[in-house]
N, C-alpha and C. Protein backbone atom coordinates (compact mmCIF):
# COMPACT_ATOMS: atom_id res chain seq x y z
N MET A 1 3.07 135.59 12.15
CA MET A 1 3.01 134.13 11.59
C MET A 1 1.52 134.75 10.52
N SER A 2 2.25 133.91 9.33
CA SER A 2 1.10 134.24 8.25
C SER A 2 0.06 133.33 8.65
N THR A 3 -1.23 133.90 7.76
CA THR A 3 -2.86 133.10 7.89
C THR A 3 -2.40 131.49 7.64
N LEU A 4 -1.77 131.45 6.43
CA LEU A 4 -1.56 130.05 5.88
C LEU A 4 -1.23 129.42 6.66
N LYS A 5 -0.06 129.57 7.49
CA LYS A 5 0.56 128.67 8.37
C LYS A 5 -0.27 128.61 9.67
N LYS A 6 -0.80 129.44 10.12
CA LYS A 6 -2.36 129.28 11.15
C LYS A 6 -3.22 128.52 10.99
N ASN A 7 -3.23 128.66 9.59
CA ASN A 7 -4.84 127.50 9.06
C ASN A 7 -3.97 126.06 9.44
N LYS A 8 -2.85 126.21 8.51
CA LYS A 8 -2.23 124.44 8.66
C LYS A 8 -1.80 124.04 9.56
N ARG A 9 -1.74 124.48 11.21
CA ARG A 9 -1.43 124.36 12.23
C ARG A 9 -2.60 123.69 13.04
N ALA A 10 -3.64 124.94 12.63
CA ALA A 10 -4.86 124.57 13.25
C ALA A 10 -5.70 123.14 12.84
N LYS A 11 -5.22 122.88 11.37
CA LYS A 11 -6.09 121.42 10.97
C LYS A 11 -4.94 120.29 11.31
N LEU A 12 -3.99 120.75 11.39
CA LEU A 12 -3.17 119.54 11.80
C LEU A 12 -3.38 119.24 13.31
N ALA A 13 -3.77 120.35 14.02
CA ALA A 13 -4.12 120.06 15.47
C ALA A 13 -4.92 119.21 15.76
N LYS A 14 -6.21 119.56 14.87
CA LYS A 14 -7.58 119.10 14.74
C LYS A 14 -7.41 117.39 14.83
N LYS A 15 -6.31 117.22 13.57
CA LYS A 15 -6.30 115.64 13.32
C LYS A 15 -5.36 115.03 14.08
N HIS A 16 -4.52 115.99 15.20
CA HIS A 16 -3.87 115.06 16.53
C HIS A 16 -4.91 114.55 17.22
N LYS A 17 -5.61 115.54 17.29
CA LYS A 17 -6.84 115.28 18.47
C LYS A 17 -7.83 113.97 18.51
N ALA A 18 -7.92 114.18 16.94
CA ALA A 18 -9.04 113.43 16.88
C ALA A 18 -8.29 111.88 16.62
N TYR A 19 -7.07 111.92 15.77
CA TYR A 19 -6.47 110.56 16.07
C TYR A 19 -5.46 109.91 16.69
N GLY A 20 -4.82 111.00 17.15
CA GLY A 20 -3.63 110.80 18.11
C GLY A 20 -2.39 111.24 17.31
N GLU A 21 -1.04 111.31 17.83
CA GLU A 21 0.20 111.12 16.97
C GLU A 21 0.47 110.01 16.25
N ASN A 22 0.60 110.03 15.26
CA ASN A 22 0.91 108.96 14.31
C ASN A 22 2.31 108.17 14.24
N LYS A 23 2.96 109.02 14.95
CA LYS A 23 4.61 108.87 14.66
C LYS A 23 4.98 107.59 15.30
N PRO A 24 5.88 106.86 15.40
CA PRO A 24 6.52 105.75 15.92
C PRO A 24 7.34 105.96 16.97
N ALA A 25 7.13 105.13 18.21
CA ALA A 25 7.36 105.39 19.35
C ALA A 25 9.12 104.68 19.54
N LEU A 26 9.79 105.04 20.16
CA LEU A 26 11.32 104.76 20.01
C LEU A 26 11.65 104.00 21.33
N GLY A 27 12.50 102.71 21.13
CA GLY A 27 12.78 102.07 22.53
C GLY A 27 14.07 101.55 21.86
N ASN A 28 14.43 100.14 22.55
CA ASN A 28 15.81 99.32 22.33
C ASN A 28 15.35 97.87 22.24
N SER A 29 16.37 97.38 21.35
CA SER A 29 16.51 96.25 21.20
C SER A 29 17.52 95.59 21.75
N LEU A 30 17.30 94.94 22.59
CA LEU A 30 18.22 93.97 23.15
C LEU A 30 18.84 92.56 22.42
N SER A 31 20.59 92.37 22.46
CA SER A 31 20.63 91.18 22.06
C SER A 31 21.43 90.21 23.50
N GLN A 32 21.06 89.08 24.13
CA GLN A 32 21.47 88.76 25.27
C GLN A 32 22.21 87.41 24.86
N ARG A 33 22.76 86.78 25.98
CA ARG A 33 23.19 85.42 25.89
C ARG A 33 22.81 84.77 27.40
N GLY A 34 23.43 83.54 27.36
CA GLY A 34 23.06 82.62 28.28
C GLY A 34 21.54 82.41 28.94
N LYS A 35 21.16 81.61 29.90
CA LYS A 35 20.45 81.01 30.39
C LYS A 35 19.70 81.62 31.68
N ALA A 36 18.79 81.71 31.48
CA ALA A 36 17.62 82.23 32.78
C ALA A 36 18.02 81.80 34.10
N LYS A 37 18.20 82.36 35.18
CA LYS A 37 18.47 81.71 36.46
C LYS A 37 17.28 80.58 36.76
N TYR A 38 16.02 81.33 36.58
CA TYR A 38 15.08 80.11 36.73
C TYR A 38 14.86 78.75 36.41
N LEU A 39 15.89 79.09 35.10
CA LEU A 39 15.78 77.41 34.30
C LEU A 39 17.44 76.95 34.37
N GLY A 40 17.71 77.03 35.54
CA GLY A 40 18.94 76.61 35.90
C GLY A 40 20.32 77.28 35.54
N GLY A 41 20.42 78.18 34.53
CA GLY A 41 21.53 79.29 34.36
C GLY A 41 22.01 79.66 35.63
N ASN A 42 22.97 80.95 35.02
CA ASN A 42 23.81 81.92 35.33
C ASN A 42 23.49 83.00 35.36
N GLY A 43 22.35 83.41 34.51
CA GLY A 43 21.67 84.62 34.65
C GLY A 43 21.70 84.85 33.07
N ARG A 44 21.18 85.79 32.19
CA ARG A 44 21.03 86.66 31.29
C ARG A 44 22.30 87.71 31.23
N LYS A 45 22.80 87.77 30.11
CA LYS A 45 23.64 88.97 29.90
C LYS A 45 23.39 89.92 28.83
N THR A 46 23.48 91.08 28.85
CA THR A 46 23.03 91.98 27.39
C THR A 46 24.35 91.86 26.65
N THR A 47 25.03 91.92 25.92
CA THR A 47 25.80 91.88 24.71
C THR A 47 25.95 93.19 23.57
N GLY A 48 24.40 93.85 23.38
CA GLY A 48 24.29 94.71 22.67
C GLY A 48 22.74 95.34 22.96
N ILE A 49 23.05 96.52 22.58
CA ILE A 49 21.42 97.48 22.85
C ILE A 49 21.50 98.70 21.55
N THR A 50 20.83 98.15 20.62
CA THR A 50 20.28 98.60 19.18
C THR A 50 19.33 99.91 19.29
N ARG A 51 18.97 101.04 19.14
CA ARG A 51 17.95 101.53 19.34
C ARG A 51 16.87 101.40 17.97
N ARG A 52 15.25 101.06 18.34
CA ARG A 52 14.77 100.76 17.35
C ARG A 52 12.97 101.64 17.83
N LYS A 53 12.08 100.90 16.15
CA LYS A 53 11.06 101.89 16.08
C LYS A 53 9.81 100.94 16.79
N PHE A 54 8.68 101.54 17.38
CA PHE A 54 7.88 100.54 17.59
C PHE A 54 6.73 101.40 16.90
N LYS A 55 6.31 100.76 15.90
CA LYS A 55 5.49 101.75 14.70
C LYS A 55 4.36 100.82 15.05
N LYS A 56 3.04 101.55 14.96
CA LYS A 56 1.79 102.06 15.21
C LYS A 56 0.95 101.29 13.64
N ASN A 57 -0.05 100.34 13.80
CA ASN A 57 -0.56 99.67 12.64
C ASN A 57 -1.42 100.63 11.99
N LEU A 58 -1.01 101.46 11.04
CA LEU A 58 -1.94 102.11 10.66
C LEU A 58 -2.30 101.82 9.10
N GLN A 59 -3.61 101.61 9.33
CA GLN A 59 -4.44 101.28 8.22
C GLN A 59 -5.17 102.60 7.12
N ARG A 60 -5.19 102.72 5.65
CA ARG A 60 -6.07 103.62 4.94
C ARG A 60 -7.13 103.26 5.13
N ILE A 61 -8.16 104.25 5.50
CA ILE A 61 -9.38 104.07 5.53
C ILE A 61 -10.09 105.07 5.52
N ARG A 62 -11.52 104.86 4.77
CA ARG A 62 -12.43 106.15 4.61
C ARG A 62 -13.33 106.30 6.19
N VAL A 63 -12.79 107.54 6.49
CA VAL A 63 -13.62 107.81 7.11
C VAL A 63 -14.44 109.64 7.50
N ILE A 64 -15.34 109.72 8.44
CA ILE A 64 -16.21 111.03 7.94
C ILE A 64 -15.68 112.15 8.67
N GLU A 65 -15.12 113.08 8.27
CA GLU A 65 -14.78 114.32 9.14
C GLU A 65 -15.45 115.92 8.85
N ASP A 66 -16.05 116.11 9.96
CA ASP A 66 -16.95 117.37 9.18
C ASP A 66 -17.86 117.06 7.89
N GLY A 67 -18.95 116.43 8.22
CA GLY A 67 -19.67 115.56 7.14
C GLY A 67 -19.19 115.41 5.87
N LYS A 68 -17.88 115.29 5.92
CA LYS A 68 -17.35 114.87 4.58
C LYS A 68 -16.62 113.32 4.66
N VAL A 69 -16.65 112.60 3.41
CA VAL A 69 -16.03 111.36 3.90
C VAL A 69 -14.44 111.62 3.02
N VAL A 70 -13.45 111.62 4.10
CA VAL A 70 -12.18 111.39 3.65
C VAL A 70 -11.29 110.23 3.95
N ARG A 71 -10.67 110.19 3.18
CA ARG A 71 -9.48 108.99 3.42
C ARG A 71 -7.96 109.57 4.26
N ARG A 72 -7.79 108.57 5.46
CA ARG A 72 -6.85 108.83 6.13
C ARG A 72 -6.15 107.54 6.85
N ARG A 73 -5.01 107.91 7.14
CA ARG A 73 -4.07 106.70 7.82
C ARG A 73 -4.75 106.85 9.33
N VAL A 74 -5.12 105.47 10.21
CA VAL A 74 -5.82 105.53 11.44
C VAL A 74 -5.31 104.42 11.52
N PRO A 75 -4.87 104.17 13.29
CA PRO A 75 -4.20 103.36 13.73
C PRO A 75 -5.40 102.43 13.97
N VAL A 76 -5.37 100.64 13.93
CA VAL A 76 -6.03 100.24 13.78
C VAL A 76 -6.60 100.36 15.53
N SER A 77 -6.11 100.29 16.63
CA SER A 77 -6.51 100.43 18.06
C SER A 77 -7.91 101.65 17.84
N LEU A 78 -8.04 102.36 17.47
CA LEU A 78 -8.98 103.51 17.43
C LEU A 78 -9.96 103.01 16.72
N ILE A 79 -9.54 102.08 15.24
CA ILE A 79 -10.83 101.59 14.72
C ILE A 79 -11.34 100.32 15.48
N ARG A 80 -10.91 99.76 16.36
CA ARG A 80 -11.70 98.58 17.14
C ARG A 80 -12.07 99.24 18.15
N SER A 81 -12.24 100.15 18.50
CA SER A 81 -12.37 100.78 19.50
C SER A 81 -13.84 101.61 19.37
N GLY A 82 -13.76 102.06 18.39
CA GLY A 82 -15.04 102.64 17.86
C GLY A 82 -14.79 104.41 17.55
N MET A 83 -13.59 104.34 17.78
CA MET A 83 -13.60 106.27 18.04
C MET A 83 -13.44 106.66 16.47
N VAL A 84 -13.61 105.90 15.68
CA VAL A 84 -13.54 106.53 14.54
C VAL A 84 -14.84 106.45 13.73
N GLU A 85 -15.53 107.48 12.98
CA GLU A 85 -16.59 107.18 12.20
C GLU A 85 -16.39 107.11 10.93
N ARG A 86 -17.12 105.72 10.53
CA ARG A 86 -17.00 105.51 9.01
C ARG A 86 -18.17 105.40 8.32
N PRO A 87 -17.63 105.94 7.00
CA PRO A 87 -18.97 106.07 6.09
C PRO A 87 -19.98 104.76 6.16
N VAL A 88 -21.24 104.81 6.02
CA VAL A 88 -22.61 103.47 5.75
C VAL A 88 -22.51 103.71 4.44
N VAL A 89 -21.85 102.62 3.95
CA VAL A 89 -22.08 102.02 2.39
C VAL A 89 -23.16 101.96 1.64
N ARG A 90 -23.85 100.84 2.61
CA ARG A 90 -25.07 100.61 1.93
C ARG A 90 -26.27 100.31 3.86
N GLU A 91 -27.11 100.77 3.72
CA GLU A 91 -28.06 100.19 5.07
C GLU A 91 -28.02 98.78 4.85
N PRO A 92 -28.03 98.49 6.49
CA PRO A 92 -28.14 97.04 6.41
C PRO A 92 -29.38 96.80 6.57
N PHE A 93 -29.44 95.15 5.99
CA PHE A 93 -30.82 94.65 5.55
C PHE A 93 -31.39 95.18 4.46
N THR A 94 -30.79 95.23 3.58
CA THR A 94 -31.28 95.59 2.44
C THR A 94 -30.96 94.56 1.15
N VAL A 95 -30.75 93.86 0.85
CA VAL A 95 -30.23 92.38 0.37
C VAL A 95 -31.91 92.67 -0.83
N GLU A 96 -33.35 92.53 0.18
CA GLU A 96 -34.67 92.32 -0.88
C GLU A 96 -34.31 93.44 -2.20
N LYS A 97 -33.89 94.73 -1.45
CA LYS A 97 -33.98 95.86 -2.38
C LYS A 97 -33.15 95.87 -3.42
N ILE A 98 -32.04 95.09 -3.22
CA ILE A 98 -31.20 94.99 -4.37
C ILE A 98 -31.30 93.91 -5.46
N GLU A 99 -32.09 92.90 -5.02
CA GLU A 99 -32.30 91.42 -6.06
C GLU A 99 -33.54 92.39 -6.73
N ALA A 100 -34.72 92.93 -5.82
CA ALA A 100 -36.00 93.68 -6.65
C ALA A 100 -35.37 93.94 -8.11
N GLU A 101 -34.43 95.11 -7.98
CA GLU A 101 -33.76 96.13 -8.72
C GLU A 101 -32.93 95.19 -9.85
N LYS A 102 -32.70 94.11 -9.59
CA LYS A 102 -31.81 93.28 -10.50
C LYS A 102 -33.02 92.34 -11.84
N LYS A 103 -34.08 92.11 -11.11
CA LYS A 103 -34.56 91.41 -11.79
C LYS A 103 -35.83 92.56 -12.57
N LYS A 104 -35.75 94.11 -12.76
CA LYS A 104 -36.40 94.91 -12.98
C LYS A 104 -35.59 94.62 -14.42
């Protein structure tokens, strides 16, 4: 195996470790007819099964990787859980400094 392939695989493995596999999960979509038993019917009958994909909610955001700011497609679940480190655009509570600079 060439060094280029090794490096590429190592990068991909590192990305998967940080953000997980971003491929859609496969499942089934059921078409049904009838009324549920608890609603007074005779029960639901499946009339068709179709394959479908459950896609992750991916967002393109800027993240910090190895001290550098890069753009990545990251699932919202990781952003909400705080697993992704995002860059600080501006220090919080610096409104006074900005207004002072505008007046100059």
